[in-house]
Amino acid sequence: MNRIDADWLREFDAAMLGFFAIDYAEAGMCADEIGRYADLSPKEAALTYGVDYDLCRVDTFWS
């Protein structure tokens, strides 16, 4: 397993909070699962995770 960069994880967590109002821990993500998205940018990883797990975006109700 690749070691996750702390800066990437912090940015991924911020993107998860911004898009879905949950952080990676609240989403139940383990290190292996996070590692599957680590080759993407943090923002793209959060959006891809949301699509993969059918998460509702925070801004859905404001559009």
Protein backbone atom coordinates (compact mmCIF):
# COMPACT_ATOMS: atom_id res chain seq x y z
CA MET A 1 0.00 0.00 0.00
CA ASN A 2 1.25 3.49 -0.82
CA ARG A 3 1.73 5.91 2.02
CA ILE A 4 -0.83 8.73 1.82
CA ASP A 5 0.67 12.23 1.81
CA ALA A 6 -0.60 14.28 4.79
CA ASP A 7 -1.16 17.38 2.64
CA TRP A 8 -3.17 15.37 0.09
CA LEU A 9 -5.28 13.83 2.86
CA ARG A 10 -5.96 17.24 4.41
CA GLU A 11 -7.06 18.63 1.03
CA PHE A 12 -9.15 15.52 0.32
CA ASP A 13 -10.86 15.88 3.71
CA ALA A 14 -11.60 19.56 3.01
CA ALA A 15 -13.05 18.64 -0.40
CA MET A 16 -15.22 15.91 1.16
CA LEU A 17 -16.52 18.41 3.70
CA GLY A 18 -17.18 21.01 1.02
CA PHE A 19 -18.95 18.68 -1.40
CA PHE A 20 -20.70 16.24 0.94
CA ALA A 21 -20.55 17.74 4.48
CA ILE A 22 -18.73 14.65 5.81
CA ASP A 23 -15.06 13.92 6.26
CA TYR A 24 -13.35 10.71 5.25
CA ALA A 25 -13.66 9.25 8.76
CA GLU A 26 -17.42 9.89 8.82
CA ALA A 27 -17.62 8.24 5.41
CA GLY A 28 -16.04 5.14 6.96
CA MET A 29 -13.01 5.16 4.69
CA CYS A 30 -10.06 2.99 5.71
CA ALA A 31 -6.48 3.53 4.55
CA ASP A 32 -6.84 0.93 1.77
CA GLU A 33 -9.93 2.65 0.41
CA ILE A 34 -8.31 6.08 0.55
CA GLY A 35 -5.33 4.63 -1.30
CA ARG A 36 -7.56 3.72 -4.26
CA TYR A 37 -8.17 7.42 -4.86
CA ALA A 38 -4.68 8.75 -4.02
CA ASP A 39 -3.57 8.92 -7.65
CA LEU A 40 -6.20 11.62 -8.29
CA SER A 41 -6.13 15.23 -7.15
CA PRO A 42 -7.87 15.65 -3.77
CA LYS A 43 -10.85 17.45 -5.32
CA GLU A 44 -11.23 14.89 -8.11
CA ALA A 45 -10.83 12.05 -5.60
CA ALA A 46 -13.63 13.43 -3.41
CA LEU A 47 -15.96 13.85 -6.38
CA THR A 48 -15.13 10.38 -7.69
CA TYR A 49 -15.72 8.85 -4.27
CA GLY A 50 -19.07 10.63 -4.12
CA VAL A 51 -20.09 9.21 -7.50
CA ASP A 52 -18.85 5.71 -6.58
CA TYR A 53 -20.91 5.68 -3.38
CA ASP A 54 -23.86 7.77 -4.59
CA LEU A 55 -23.37 10.58 -2.08
CA CYS A 56 -25.64 13.60 -2.29
CA ARG A 57 -23.74 16.85 -2.82
CA VAL A 58 -24.37 19.69 -0.42
CA ASP A 59 -25.01 22.17 -3.24
CA THR A 60 -27.68 19.96 -4.84
CA PHE A 61 -30.43 21.67 -2.89
CA TRP A 62 -29.22 25.20 -3.65
CA SER A 63 -29.11 24.95 -7.43
